[in-house]
Structure formats: C-alpha cells, structure tokens
Amino acid sequence: MKKNNAGKYIKYAIGEIVLVVIGILIALSLNNWNESKKMR
C-alpha cells in the first residue's frame, strides 16, 4: 500500500513538472513572437 501511494505521488510530481515546462516554453515562444513583431 505504501509503495502504491509513492508511485502515485511520483507520477503526479512528474505531471506537474511537465505542465510547468510546457508553460515556460509557451511563454518563451510568445515572447520571441512579440520581439520579432516589434522588429518589423
């Protein structure tokens, strides 16, 4: 039972990390898009 809970927690933590990374990548791409739009 204890091992099962640890596995669930690890999967949840990995999911959270993936969501944060995706959010950062989206923010960076939007920032780059705005910068290139300003240059024109």
C-alpha atoms as a PDB file:
ATOM      1  CA  MET A   1       0.000   0.000   0.000  1.00  0.00           C
ATOM      2  CA  LYS A   2       2.775   2.444   0.897  1.00  0.00           C
ATOM      3  CA  LYS A   3       4.631   1.751  -2.366  1.00  0.00           C
ATOM      4  CA  ASN A   4       1.457   2.331  -4.389  1.00  0.00           C
ATOM      5  CA  ASN A   5       0.970   5.775  -2.818  1.00  0.00           C
ATOM      6  CA  ALA A   6       4.609   6.680  -3.532  1.00  0.00           C
ATOM      7  CA  GLY A   7       4.158   5.694  -7.189  1.00  0.00           C
ATOM      8  CA  LYS A   8       1.035   7.828  -7.492  1.00  0.00           C
ATOM      9  CA  TYR A   9       2.857  10.779  -5.907  1.00  0.00           C
ATOM     10  CA  ILE A  10       5.827  10.388  -8.273  1.00  0.00           C
ATOM     11  CA  LYS A  11       3.507  10.282 -11.312  1.00  0.00           C
ATOM     12  CA  TYR A  12       1.709  13.394 -10.036  1.00  0.00           C
ATOM     13  CA  ALA A  13       5.019  15.218  -9.470  1.00  0.00           C
ATOM     14  CA  ILE A  14       6.250  14.326 -12.981  1.00  0.00           C
ATOM     15  CA  GLY A  15       2.953  15.561 -14.438  1.00  0.00           C
ATOM     16  CA  GLU A  16       3.291  18.864 -12.585  1.00  0.00           C
ATOM     17  CA  ILE A  17       6.874  19.313 -13.829  1.00  0.00           C
ATOM     18  CA  VAL A  18       5.807  18.595 -17.425  1.00  0.00           C
ATOM     19  CA  LEU A  19       2.992  21.166 -17.177  1.00  0.00           C
ATOM     20  CA  VAL A  20       5.393  23.809 -15.809  1.00  0.00           C
ATOM     21  CA  VAL A  21       7.912  23.127 -18.597  1.00  0.00           C
ATOM     22  CA  ILE A  22       5.165  23.388 -21.251  1.00  0.00           C
ATOM     23  CA  GLY A  23       4.025  26.692 -19.721  1.00  0.00           C
ATOM     24  CA  ILE A  24       7.571  28.075 -19.789  1.00  0.00           C
ATOM     25  CA  LEU A  25       8.041  27.014 -23.430  1.00  0.00           C
ATOM     26  CA  ILE A  26       4.754  28.679 -24.428  1.00  0.00           C
ATOM     27  CA  ALA A  27       5.748  31.892 -22.621  1.00  0.00           C
ATOM     28  CA  LEU A  28       9.156  31.927 -24.330  1.00  0.00           C
ATOM     29  CA  SER A  29       7.661  31.345 -27.776  1.00  0.00           C
ATOM     30  CA  LEU A  30       5.126  34.145 -27.232  1.00  0.00           C
ATOM     31  CA  ASN A  31       7.928  36.451 -26.088  1.00  0.00           C
ATOM     32  CA  ASN A  32      10.012  35.628 -29.182  1.00  0.00           C
ATOM     33  CA  TRP A  33       6.969  36.183 -31.409  1.00  0.00           C
ATOM     34  CA  ASN A  34       6.340  39.610 -29.823  1.00  0.00           C
ATOM     35  CA  GLU A  35      10.007  40.585 -30.201  1.00  0.00           C
ATOM     36  CA  SER A  36      10.062  39.612 -33.880  1.00  0.00           C
ATOM     37  CA  LYS A  37       6.777  41.507 -34.410  1.00  0.00           C
ATOM     38  CA  LYS A  38       8.311  44.643 -32.843  1.00  0.00           C
ATOM     39  CA  MET A  39      11.378  44.411 -35.112  1.00  0.00           C
ATOM     40  CA  ARG A  40       9.233  44.610 -38.262  1.00  0.00           C
END
